[in-house]
Protein backbone atom coordinates (compact mmCIF):
# COMPACT_ATOMS: atom_id res chain seq x y z
CA MET A 1 5.51 16.30 -10.45
CA VAL A 2 7.20 13.14 -11.80
CA GLY A 3 4.24 11.08 -10.62
CA ARG A 4 1.78 13.29 -12.47
CA VAL A 5 3.83 13.10 -15.67
CA THR A 6 4.00 9.31 -15.37
CA ILE A 7 0.24 9.02 -14.90
CA PHE A 8 -0.41 11.34 -17.87
CA LEU A 9 1.91 9.44 -20.15
CA SER A 10 0.50 6.09 -19.05
CA LYS A 11 -3.00 7.31 -19.89
CA LEU A 12 -1.72 8.65 -23.22
CA CYS A 13 -0.20 5.30 -24.11
CA HIS A 14 -3.38 3.51 -23.10
CA GLU A 15 -5.47 5.73 -25.37
CA ILE A 16 -3.06 5.26 -28.25
CA SER A 17 -3.24 1.50 -27.75
CA ASN A 18 -7.04 1.66 -27.89
CA VAL A 19 -6.96 3.70 -31.11
CA PHE A 20 -4.55 1.42 -32.93
CA GLN A 21 -5.87 -1.92 -31.69
CA GLY A 22 -7.90 -3.55 -34.43
CA SER A 23 -7.31 -0.69 -36.90
CA ASN A 24 -5.97 -1.02 -40.44
CA CYS A 25 -2.66 0.79 -40.11
CA TYR A 26 -0.39 1.45 -43.05
CA PHE A 27 3.00 2.96 -43.82
CA ALA A 28 3.73 5.50 -46.53
CA SER A 29 7.12 6.77 -47.64
CA LYS A 30 7.28 9.59 -45.08
CA SER A 31 4.29 9.05 -42.84
CA TRP A 32 1.97 6.48 -41.35
CA GLY A 33 -1.58 6.33 -40.13
CA CYS A 34 -4.72 4.39 -39.35
CA ASN A 35 -8.05 4.57 -41.13
CA GLY A 36 -6.89 7.53 -43.23
CA ASN A 37 -5.57 9.70 -40.37
CA LEU A 38 -1.87 10.34 -40.95
CA LEU A 39 0.61 11.03 -38.20
CA PRO A 40 4.04 12.56 -38.87
CA VAL A 41 7.05 10.30 -38.54
CA LEU A 42 8.43 12.32 -35.64
CA ASP A 43 5.16 11.95 -33.74
CA ARG A 44 5.34 8.21 -34.14
CA ILE A 45 8.93 8.11 -32.89
CA LEU A 46 8.03 10.26 -29.89
CA ILE A 47 5.06 8.04 -29.02
CA ILE A 48 7.17 4.87 -29.20
CA VAL A 49 9.92 6.38 -27.04
CA LEU A 50 7.44 7.56 -24.42
CA CYS A 51 5.66 4.22 -24.29
CA LEU A 52 8.90 2.27 -23.91
CA THR A 53 10.20 4.68 -21.30
CA PHE A 54 7.11 4.53 -19.15
CA ALA A 55 6.51 0.78 -19.06
CA GLY A 56 4.65 0.23 -22.33
CA CYS A 57 1.31 1.11 -23.91
CA SER A 58 -0.63 -1.97 -22.94
CA ALA A 59 1.33 -3.51 -20.07
CA ARG A 60 -0.74 -4.64 -17.11
CA THR A 61 0.66 -4.76 -13.61
CA ALA A 62 -0.72 -6.34 -10.45
CA SER A 63 -1.96 -4.13 -7.65
CA VAL A 64 0.53 -4.49 -4.84
CA VAL A 65 0.41 -3.18 -1.30
CA PRO A 66 3.95 -2.36 -0.17
CA ALA A 67 4.96 -4.61 2.67
CA GLY A 68 8.01 -2.96 4.16
CA SER A 69 9.65 -3.61 7.53
CA PRO A 70 10.23 -0.15 9.04
CA SER A 71 12.91 0.32 11.65
CA THR A 72 11.91 1.82 14.99
CA ASP A 73 15.21 3.74 14.94
CA SER A 74 13.82 5.85 12.11
CA TYR A 75 10.84 6.96 14.20
CA PRO A 76 12.00 8.11 17.66
CA ILE A 77 10.00 9.88 20.36
CA GLY A 78 9.10 13.37 19.17
CA TRP A 79 9.08 12.52 15.46
CA THR A 80 6.34 14.55 13.75
CA GLN A 81 4.42 14.62 10.51
CA THR A 82 1.73 16.95 9.21
CA GLY A 83 -0.90 16.28 6.58
CA VAL A 84 -4.48 15.15 6.05
CA ALA A 85 -6.10 12.33 8.02
CA SER A 86 -9.23 10.37 7.20
CA TRP A 87 -11.12 7.64 9.05
CA TYR A 88 -12.44 4.16 8.31
CA GLY A 89 -15.20 2.03 9.83
CA ASP A 90 -17.54 -0.31 7.97
CA PRO A 91 -16.96 -2.53 6.02
CA PHE A 92 -13.51 -3.03 7.61
CA HIS A 93 -14.88 -3.65 11.12
CA GLY A 94 -14.09 -7.21 12.16
CA ARG A 95 -11.52 -7.80 9.42
CA LEU A 96 -7.83 -8.49 9.94
CA THR A 97 -5.48 -5.52 9.99
CA ALA A 98 -1.99 -5.65 8.51
CA SER A 99 -0.61 -6.39 11.98
CA GLY A 100 -2.82 -9.47 12.29
CA GLU A 101 -5.16 -7.91 14.81
CA VAL A 102 -8.89 -7.83 14.18
CA TYR A 103 -9.97 -4.29 13.38
CA ASP A 104 -12.36 -2.81 15.94
CA MET A 105 -13.60 0.58 14.82
CA ASP A 106 -14.56 1.44 18.40
CA LEU A 107 -10.96 1.22 19.68
CA MET A 108 -8.42 4.05 19.53
CA THR A 109 -6.22 2.79 16.71
CA ALA A 110 -4.86 4.06 13.42
CA ALA A 111 -3.36 2.99 10.12
CA HIS A 112 -0.12 4.53 8.86
CA GLN A 113 1.93 3.70 5.79
CA ALA A 114 5.28 3.39 7.56
CA LEU A 115 5.21 3.71 11.36
CA PRO A 116 6.02 0.39 13.11
CA PHE A 117 3.09 -1.45 14.62
CA GLY A 118 2.57 -0.61 18.26
CA THR A 119 3.74 2.99 17.86
CA ARG A 120 1.76 5.28 20.17
CA ILE A 121 1.06 8.66 18.62
CA ARG A 122 -0.67 11.90 19.54
CA VAL A 123 -2.88 13.29 16.81
CA ASP A 124 -3.72 16.99 16.91
CA ASN A 125 -6.64 18.18 14.78
CA ARG A 126 -5.38 21.51 13.48
CA ASP A 127 -8.89 22.51 12.39
CA ASN A 128 -10.46 22.44 15.89
CA ASN A 129 -7.48 21.97 18.28
CA ARG A 130 -8.66 18.57 19.58
CA SER A 131 -6.00 16.00 20.52
CA ILE A 132 -6.07 12.24 21.13
CA GLU A 133 -3.68 9.31 21.50
CA LEU A 134 -3.79 6.32 19.15
CA VAL A 135 -1.85 3.09 18.57
CA VAL A 136 -0.77 2.17 15.03
CA ASN A 137 -1.87 -1.37 14.15
CA ASP A 138 -2.66 -1.19 10.44
CA ARG A 139 -1.32 0.03 7.08
CA GLY A 140 -2.85 2.86 5.07
CA PRO A 141 -4.30 5.11 3.90
CA PHE A 142 -3.70 4.24 0.24
CA VAL A 143 -5.17 7.51 -0.98
CA LYS A 144 -3.05 10.29 -2.42
CA ASN A 145 -2.20 13.19 -0.12
CA ARG A 146 -3.37 11.46 3.10
CA ILE A 147 -1.04 10.39 5.88
CA LEU A 148 -3.27 8.68 8.45
CA ASP A 149 -6.46 6.64 8.75
CA VAL A 150 -7.99 6.70 12.23
CA SER A 151 -10.65 4.42 13.64
CA ARG A 152 -14.25 5.58 14.00
CA ALA A 153 -13.65 6.09 17.72
CA GLY A 154 -10.62 8.23 16.91
CA ALA A 155 -12.55 10.21 14.33
CA ARG A 156 -15.33 10.89 16.81
CA ALA A 157 -12.87 12.11 19.44
CA LEU A 158 -11.16 14.34 16.89
CA GLY A 159 -14.47 15.78 15.67
CA MET A 160 -13.99 14.62 12.08
CA ILE A 161 -16.86 12.16 11.60
CA GLY A 162 -18.89 14.66 9.59
CA PRO A 163 -16.13 16.29 7.53
CA GLY A 164 -14.48 12.93 6.90
CA THR A 165 -10.98 14.42 6.83
CA ALA A 166 -8.95 16.86 8.92
CA ARG A 167 -5.58 18.58 8.89
CA VAL A 168 -3.51 16.89 11.58
CA LEU A 169 -0.16 16.86 13.32
CA ILE A 170 1.20 13.43 14.28
CA THR A 171 3.72 13.18 17.12
CA ILE A 172 5.30 9.94 18.33
CA LEU A 173 4.89 9.44 22.08
CA LYS A 174 6.27 5.89 22.27
CA PRO A 175 8.17 4.08 19.51
CA GLY A 176 6.68 0.88 18.20
CA GLY A 177 7.88 -2.41 19.56
CA ASP A 178 7.39 -5.93 18.30
CA LEU A 179 3.62 -5.94 18.69
CA VAL A 180 3.41 -9.55 17.59
CA SER A 181 6.17 -11.10 19.68
CA VAL A 182 5.02 -9.34 22.83
CA ARG A 183 1.73 -11.23 22.57
CA GLY A 184 3.40 -14.50 21.60
CA GLY A 185 1.87 -17.34 19.65
CA CYS A 186 1.98 -18.19 15.97
CA VAL A 187 3.37 -15.53 13.62
CA VAL A 188 3.98 -15.30 9.87
CA VAL A 189 5.82 -12.93 7.57
CA GLN A 190 3.55 -11.14 5.11
CA VAL A 191 5.56 -10.78 1.93
CA ALA A 192 3.11 -9.00 -0.39
CA SER A 193 -0.57 -8.56 -1.22
CA PHE A 194 -2.17 -8.75 -4.66
CA ARG A 195 -5.57 -8.41 -6.27
CA ASP A 196 -4.46 -10.85 -8.97
CA PRO A 197 -4.28 -14.50 -7.76
CA ASP A 198 -1.81 -15.42 -10.51
CA ALA A 199 0.57 -12.69 -9.39
CA ALA A 200 0.27 -13.91 -5.81
CA GLU A 201 1.03 -17.49 -6.83
CA SER A 202 4.06 -16.32 -8.80
CA ARG A 203 5.38 -14.48 -5.75
CA ARG A 204 4.72 -17.53 -3.58
CA VAL A 205 6.82 -19.68 -5.90
CA GLU A 206 9.64 -17.12 -5.72
CA THR A 207 9.45 -17.19 -1.93
CA GLU A 208 9.61 -20.99 -1.90
CA ARG A 209 12.64 -20.93 -4.19
CA ALA A 210 14.33 -18.56 -1.75
CA GLY A 211 14.03 -21.28 0.88
CA PHE A 212 10.95 -20.18 2.80
CA ALA A 213 7.81 -22.27 3.28
CA SER A 214 4.96 -20.09 2.07
CA ARG A 215 1.32 -20.03 1.08
CA VAL A 216 -1.33 -17.66 -0.29
CA GLU A 217 -4.14 -16.47 1.99
CA HIS A 218 -7.31 -15.16 0.36
CA ASN A 219 -9.40 -12.69 2.32
CA ASP A 220 -11.58 -9.70 1.40
CA GLY A 221 -10.56 -9.79 -2.24
CA TRP A 222 -6.82 -9.76 -1.47
CA TYR A 223 -4.34 -12.58 -2.06
CA ARG A 224 -1.63 -12.34 0.61
CA VAL A 225 1.65 -14.20 0.28
CA VAL A 226 2.90 -15.27 3.72
CA ALA A 227 5.96 -17.21 4.86
CA GLY A 228 6.01 -19.34 7.97
CA PRO A 229 4.54 -19.91 10.45
CA TYR A 230 7.18 -19.21 13.07
CA ARG A 231 7.18 -19.75 16.82
CA GLU A 232 10.33 -17.74 17.52
CA PRO A 233 10.04 -13.96 16.91
CA GLU A 234 13.75 -13.63 16.09
CA GLU A 235 13.47 -16.22 13.31
CA ALA A 236 10.44 -14.40 11.94
CA ARG A 237 12.27 -11.06 12.00
CA ARG A 238 15.20 -12.52 10.06
CA ALA A 239 12.80 -13.88 7.46
CA ALA A 240 11.06 -10.49 7.26
CA ASP A 241 14.38 -8.73 6.66
CA THR A 242 15.30 -11.16 3.89
CA LEU A 243 11.91 -11.08 2.20
CA ASP A 244 11.27 -7.34 2.74
CA GLY A 245 8.04 -8.18 4.57
CA PHE A 246 6.63 -7.64 8.04
CA VAL A 247 5.77 -9.90 10.94
CA ARG A 248 2.15 -10.40 11.95
CA ARG A 249 0.09 -12.91 13.84
CA CYS A 250 -1.30 -15.95 12.08
CA SER A 251 -4.83 -15.64 10.75
CA GLU A 252 -7.47 -17.09 12.98
């Protein structure tokens, strides 16, 4: 409910900004207006209060994908979640996932917003009673009211290729481990992702000031701020905890 109110008020402020920008506004003794359309004083006060409360009429913010470093203790064997799942294939096939793996839409994997990478889950399609097992190796979906994105292979096994979505039950079969350290090699800490390169550079500078060597990686329209690289998983995990990021393999 709060989210809907915030969205409505943000849109309201945006429209108000559009109306007043470039207009000839004036003040009278008890009212004000633009181009001859008067608004009561109380309306003006209410508009100003709402705009200030909900982050301003014309403020622009960068699109950020939450990084997060979920604890496996929060998601034990038997943990469940119900909701709507979707699936993804092209054009993501062959691209890097949030875990650093290359996405293969023909493997039995899934994207979840919070479950640790490497978590093995059972997904039950409540619409047709089909069940499969998947491994979480990506983040998503970033669509309202959806809890899981499965690969094309997973969608086919669940019988949801045509419908595109399905009501599902997720059950953890095996908690996630350190997917990256198990495989060894070069790892980095992904701090944040932005659509705006300037926002990414600003975050990189903040990370450097905090004492971590960092850089910005550009791929698929996203600017990812990463710290590292690290050869020791424990060092990477400490950095991830400090920076509120997550550990993944270095980009190829």
